[in-house]
Protein backbone atom coordinates (compact mmCIF):
# COMPACT_ATOMS: atom_id res chain seq x y z
CA MET A 1 26.34 -7.99 8.46
CA SER A 2 26.60 -10.73 11.04
CA LEU A 3 23.45 -12.12 12.65
CA ALA A 4 25.38 -13.26 15.70
CA PRO A 5 24.03 -10.46 17.99
CA PHE A 6 20.47 -11.61 17.26
CA LEU A 7 20.77 -15.40 17.31
CA ASP A 8 20.80 -15.64 21.09
CA CYS A 9 17.61 -13.57 21.42
CA PRO A 10 14.71 -15.82 22.46
CA SER A 11 11.63 -15.80 20.26
CA THR A 12 8.67 -13.96 21.76
CA SER A 13 6.38 -16.91 21.00
CA MET A 14 6.70 -20.67 20.63
CA PRO A 15 5.76 -22.30 17.32
CA ARG A 16 2.05 -23.03 16.95
CA SER A 17 0.40 -26.15 15.64
CA GLY A 18 1.58 -27.44 12.27
CA VAL A 19 5.06 -27.05 10.86
CA GLY A 20 6.85 -24.07 12.36
CA ARG A 21 5.36 -20.61 12.81
CA ARG A 22 3.33 -18.24 10.69
CA LEU A 23 4.99 -14.84 10.69
CA LYS A 24 3.54 -11.44 9.93
CA LEU A 25 5.94 -8.78 8.63
CA VAL A 26 5.39 -5.09 7.94
CA VAL A 27 7.32 -4.03 4.84
CA GLU A 28 8.34 -0.65 3.44
CA TYR A 29 9.48 -0.18 -0.14
CA ASN A 30 10.16 2.26 -2.93
CA GLY A 31 8.33 0.74 -5.89
CA THR A 32 10.13 2.65 -8.65
CA ALA A 33 12.25 -0.27 -9.85
CA TYR A 34 9.51 -2.91 -9.69
CA ALA A 35 6.73 -4.07 -12.00
CA GLY A 36 4.46 -4.27 -8.95
CA SER A 37 4.23 -5.99 -5.60
CA GLN A 38 3.12 -9.38 -6.93
CA ARG A 39 5.50 -11.84 -8.55
CA GLN A 40 5.87 -11.34 -12.32
CA ALA A 41 6.94 -13.91 -14.89
CA ALA A 42 9.81 -11.91 -16.34
CA GLU A 43 9.84 -8.60 -14.45
CA PRO A 44 11.26 -7.66 -11.04
CA SER A 45 8.69 -7.59 -8.23
CA VAL A 46 8.66 -6.84 -4.53
CA GLN A 47 7.33 -10.33 -3.79
CA SER A 48 10.16 -12.08 -5.61
CA ARG A 49 12.80 -9.99 -3.81
CA LEU A 50 11.22 -10.75 -0.44
CA GLU A 51 10.99 -14.47 -1.14
CA GLU A 52 14.62 -14.55 -2.27
CA ALA A 53 15.69 -12.77 0.92
CA ILE A 54 13.69 -15.11 3.17
CA SER A 55 15.16 -18.13 1.39
CA GLY A 56 18.65 -16.67 1.81
CA LEU A 57 18.08 -16.14 5.54
CA THR A 58 16.35 -19.43 6.39
CA GLY A 59 17.79 -21.76 3.75
CA THR A 60 14.33 -22.87 2.60
CA GLU A 61 12.05 -21.60 -0.17
CA VAL A 62 8.81 -19.87 0.80
CA THR A 63 5.82 -18.31 -0.91
CA ILE A 64 4.52 -15.19 0.80
CA SER A 65 1.03 -13.70 0.90
CA LEU A 66 0.55 -9.93 0.64
CA ALA A 67 -2.14 -7.73 2.14
CA GLY A 68 -2.61 -5.79 -1.06
CA ARG A 69 -1.46 -5.59 -4.65
CA THR A 70 0.41 -2.42 -5.59
CA ASP A 71 1.04 -1.48 -9.21
CA ALA A 72 4.36 -0.75 -10.88
CA GLY A 73 5.95 2.33 -9.33
CA VAL A 74 3.67 2.44 -6.27
CA HIS A 75 5.35 2.66 -2.86
CA ALA A 76 4.48 1.28 0.57
CA ARG A 77 5.16 2.30 4.15
CA GLY A 78 3.06 -0.46 5.67
CA GLN A 79 2.57 -3.41 3.33
CA VAL A 80 1.86 -6.60 5.31
CA ILE A 81 3.14 -10.03 4.28
CA SER A 82 2.80 -13.45 5.85
CA PHE A 83 4.47 -16.83 5.46
CA ARG A 84 5.06 -20.05 7.36
CA THR A 85 8.59 -21.04 8.34
CA ALA A 86 10.16 -23.90 10.25
CA SER A 87 13.12 -21.65 11.11
CA ASP A 88 13.61 -21.04 14.83
CA LEU A 89 15.49 -17.78 14.29
CA PRO A 90 14.30 -15.07 16.70
CA LEU A 91 12.03 -12.36 15.40
CA ARG A 92 14.81 -9.77 15.53
CA ALA A 93 16.73 -11.87 13.02
CA PHE A 94 13.79 -11.71 10.61
CA VAL A 95 14.02 -7.91 10.76
CA TYR A 96 17.75 -7.27 10.72
CA GLY A 97 18.68 -10.45 8.83
CA LEU A 98 16.20 -9.88 6.02
CA ASN A 99 17.20 -6.22 5.76
CA HIS A 100 20.74 -7.48 5.19
CA HIS A 101 19.58 -9.72 2.32
CA LEU A 102 17.15 -7.22 0.77
CA PRO A 103 18.05 -4.47 -1.75
CA PRO A 104 18.17 -0.88 -0.45
CA ASP A 105 14.68 -0.03 -1.75
CA ILE A 106 12.91 -2.69 0.37
CA ALA A 107 13.05 -2.96 4.17
CA ILE A 108 11.34 -4.91 6.96
CA ARG A 109 9.87 -2.68 9.68
CA SER A 110 8.70 -5.35 12.12
CA ALA A 111 8.06 -9.08 12.57
CA THR A 112 5.48 -10.77 14.79
CA VAL A 113 4.07 -14.28 15.19
CA ALA A 114 0.60 -14.58 13.67
CA GLU A 115 -2.23 -17.06 14.11
CA ASP A 116 -2.00 -20.21 11.99
CA ASP A 117 -4.89 -19.13 9.76
CA PHE A 118 -3.80 -15.50 9.34
CA ASP A 119 -4.46 -14.22 5.82
CA PRO A 120 -3.08 -10.70 5.30
CA ARG A 121 -5.43 -9.90 2.41
CA ARG A 122 -8.72 -11.50 3.37
CA GLN A 123 -8.58 -10.58 7.06
CA ALA A 124 -7.74 -6.91 6.50
CA ILE A 125 -10.66 -4.68 7.49
CA ARG A 126 -9.18 -1.34 6.44
CA ARG A 127 -6.43 -0.01 4.19
CA GLU A 128 -4.94 3.47 4.33
CA TYR A 129 -3.37 5.15 1.28
CA GLU A 130 -1.73 8.51 0.65
CA TYR A 131 -1.14 10.31 -2.64
CA LEU A 132 1.49 13.07 -2.84
CA ILE A 133 1.37 15.95 -5.32
CA LEU A 134 4.28 18.34 -5.76
CA ASN A 135 2.25 21.45 -6.52
CA ARG A 136 4.70 24.08 -7.77
CA GLU A 137 5.93 25.41 -11.09
CA MET A 138 9.39 23.83 -11.12
CA ARG A 139 10.05 20.11 -10.93
CA SER A 140 12.19 18.78 -8.09
CA PRO A 141 14.98 16.20 -8.45
CA LEU A 142 14.51 15.40 -4.74
CA TRP A 143 10.89 14.38 -5.29
CA GLN A 144 11.47 12.50 -8.55
CA ASN A 145 9.51 9.20 -8.53
CA LEU A 146 8.17 10.06 -5.05
CA ALA A 147 5.43 12.58 -5.90
CA TYR A 148 3.42 13.69 -8.92
CA HIS A 149 4.64 17.06 -10.18
CA LEU A 150 1.64 19.24 -11.00
CA PRO A 151 2.13 22.98 -11.66
CA GLY A 152 -0.76 25.41 -11.44
CA GLU A 153 -3.13 26.49 -8.71
CA LEU A 154 -5.31 23.94 -6.93
CA GLU A 155 -8.42 24.89 -4.96
CA ILE A 156 -8.02 22.54 -1.99
CA ASP A 157 -11.35 23.54 -0.40
CA LEU A 158 -13.27 22.56 -3.55
CA MET A 159 -11.34 19.29 -3.78
CA ASN A 160 -12.24 18.46 -0.18
CA GLU A 161 -15.87 19.36 -0.81
CA ALA A 162 -15.99 16.85 -3.66
CA ALA A 163 -13.94 14.26 -1.74
CA ALA A 164 -16.54 14.28 1.05
CA LEU A 165 -19.05 12.86 -1.44
CA ILE A 166 -17.26 9.51 -1.59
CA LEU A 167 -17.41 8.92 2.17
CA GLY A 168 -19.53 5.93 3.15
CA GLU A 169 -20.59 2.99 1.01
CA HIS A 170 -20.88 3.51 -2.75
CA ASP A 171 -20.57 1.68 -6.04
CA PHE A 172 -17.20 2.90 -7.33
CA ALA A 173 -17.39 1.32 -10.79
CA SER A 174 -16.76 4.71 -12.43
CA PHE A 175 -13.37 4.94 -10.70
CA ALA A 176 -12.18 1.43 -11.58
CA CYS A 177 -9.91 0.42 -14.44
CA GLY A 178 -9.03 -3.07 -15.60
CA LEU A 179 -11.61 -5.01 -13.60
CA ASP A 180 -11.10 -8.78 -13.79
CA ASP A 181 -13.39 -11.75 -13.41
CA ASP A 182 -12.54 -12.04 -9.70
CA THR A 183 -14.23 -8.71 -8.96
CA LYS A 184 -17.65 -9.76 -7.72
CA SER A 185 -18.72 -6.31 -6.55
CA THR A 186 -17.61 -2.72 -7.14
CA VAL A 187 -19.16 -1.52 -3.89
CA ARG A 188 -16.64 -0.26 -1.34
CA ARG A 189 -16.79 1.68 1.93
CA ILE A 190 -14.64 4.80 2.36
CA TYR A 191 -13.89 5.99 5.90
CA GLU A 192 -11.62 8.97 5.19
CA ALA A 193 -10.91 11.12 2.12
CA HIS A 194 -9.33 14.58 2.34
CA PHE A 195 -6.51 16.78 1.06
CA GLN A 196 -4.09 18.86 3.05
CA ARG A 197 -1.29 21.16 1.95
CA GLU A 198 2.11 21.59 3.55
CA ASN A 199 4.26 24.04 1.61
CA ASP A 200 4.61 22.63 -1.93
CA ILE A 201 3.19 19.20 -1.12
CA VAL A 202 -0.52 18.44 -1.37
CA ALA A 203 -1.32 15.10 0.26
CA PHE A 204 -4.53 13.14 -0.29
CA HIS A 205 -5.41 10.74 2.53
CA ILE A 206 -7.92 7.97 1.92
CA SER A 207 -8.89 4.83 3.81
CA GLY A 208 -11.45 2.17 3.04
CA ASN A 209 -12.33 -1.45 3.58
CA ALA A 210 -10.87 -2.30 0.14
CA PHE A 211 -10.13 -0.66 -3.20
CA LEU A 212 -10.74 -1.49 -6.84
CA PRO A 213 -7.88 -1.54 -9.40
CA HIS A 214 -6.60 2.04 -9.90
CA GLN A 215 -9.46 3.42 -7.78
CA VAL A 216 -7.31 5.73 -5.66
CA ARG A 217 -5.33 7.13 -8.61
CA SER A 218 -8.48 7.64 -10.67
CA THR A 219 -10.17 9.37 -7.73
CA VAL A 220 -7.21 11.72 -7.28
CA GLY A 221 -7.14 12.50 -11.01
CA THR A 222 -10.82 13.39 -10.99
CA LEU A 223 -10.53 15.51 -7.85
CA ILE A 224 -7.59 17.38 -9.39
CA ARG A 225 -9.91 18.43 -12.24
CA VAL A 226 -12.24 19.82 -9.58
CA GLY A 227 -9.35 21.73 -8.00
CA GLN A 228 -8.35 23.13 -11.40
CA GLY A 229 -11.86 24.40 -12.07
CA LYS A 230 -12.35 21.95 -14.95
CA LEU A 231 -15.03 19.91 -13.17
CA SER A 232 -17.79 21.01 -10.81
CA THR A 233 -18.64 19.26 -7.58
CA ALA A 234 -22.02 18.40 -9.07
CA HIS A 235 -20.36 16.78 -12.10
CA PHE A 236 -18.05 14.83 -9.79
CA GLU A 237 -21.14 13.52 -7.97
CA HIS A 238 -22.68 12.56 -11.31
CA ILE A 239 -19.56 10.54 -12.20
CA LEU A 240 -19.78 8.72 -8.86
CA GLU A 241 -23.48 7.92 -9.26
CA ALA A 242 -23.18 6.85 -12.92
CA CYS A 243 -21.32 3.62 -11.99
CA GLN A 244 -19.80 3.48 -15.46
CA PRO A 245 -16.31 1.89 -15.58
CA GLY A 246 -13.64 4.25 -16.87
CA LEU A 247 -15.81 7.38 -16.61
CA ALA A 248 -13.61 9.02 -13.96
CA GLY A 249 -10.04 10.14 -14.36
CA PRO A 250 -7.52 10.71 -15.70
CA THR A 251 -5.56 8.23 -13.62
CA VAL A 252 -2.61 10.03 -12.03
CA PRO A 253 0.91 8.52 -12.16
CA ALA A 254 1.84 5.71 -9.79
CA CYS A 255 4.86 7.53 -8.34
CA GLY A 256 2.76 9.55 -5.88
CA LEU A 257 0.86 6.65 -4.32
CA TYR A 258 1.76 5.03 -0.98
CA LEU A 259 0.14 2.12 0.87
CA ASN A 260 0.50 3.48 4.39
CA LYS A 261 -1.15 0.94 6.65
CA VAL A 262 -3.28 -2.21 6.77
CA ILE A 263 -5.65 -2.65 9.72
CA TYR A 264 -6.89 -5.95 11.16
CA ASN A 265 -9.46 -6.97 13.76
CA ASP A 266 -6.73 -7.29 16.36
CA THR A 267 -6.07 -3.54 15.97
CA ASN A 268 -2.45 -3.43 14.90
CA SER A 269 -0.27 -1.93 17.57
CA GLU A 270 1.80 1.08 16.57
CA GLU A 271 4.86 -0.93 17.54
CA GLU A 272 4.28 -3.14 14.48
CA TYR A 273 5.13 -0.11 12.37
CA GLU A 274 8.45 0.48 14.08
CA ASN A 275 11.58 -1.64 14.04
CA ILE A 276 11.56 -4.07 16.94
């Protein structure tokens, strides 16, 4: 693909103070082939592929920052990355040019100029995730690695009744796995948590100010037990209030989880989630 059609497009903003510009990109990826979003020593990662593509486009090496860490096999529709570049290529080139350099399972959705001090992780005020369950007897080749296949009946109303208990601010230690020394608090605020069914797909939507390692997948696994009649709503509430690491679960597979959107104080415009 030639970048010639984009190289005469003027940038929408002049470089700010310092060397070059800080860019903010919205990235979509299928995480099946990767050991996670963050760079790994000997395993393929989304970060390493993005950095290689940016270096290929601009001719200079960069280190990117990500809004959130996704585990091996987890997907994203709206991961946010940021990096500084001295390149004067127009923003359209950072969309179409990087998509030319990237593998088919990673794509740039948009590129904008950010403030010099923009930090995609620390400045995020809300993150939205979705978990997809293929709820039917037979597996589907079309949904392989894109949804968790779970046969058997699920009582969605009971699952939503239990999910409502996690709304607001709580200590979610029971739903965390693999906490590290950097985790100073297990208290998080949840703004939205509910299931909805469309044909064979049951989707769990959850948003919060931040999430603990494996919190979403552990929450879904516990709520599934409620929907299967294996766990009462009262017992689910007890697990939440116990604040005992590892008490919830089981943790559902990574293949059904999607990072949908990251929200900032500047209220991301919907256009940032569409190709420019």
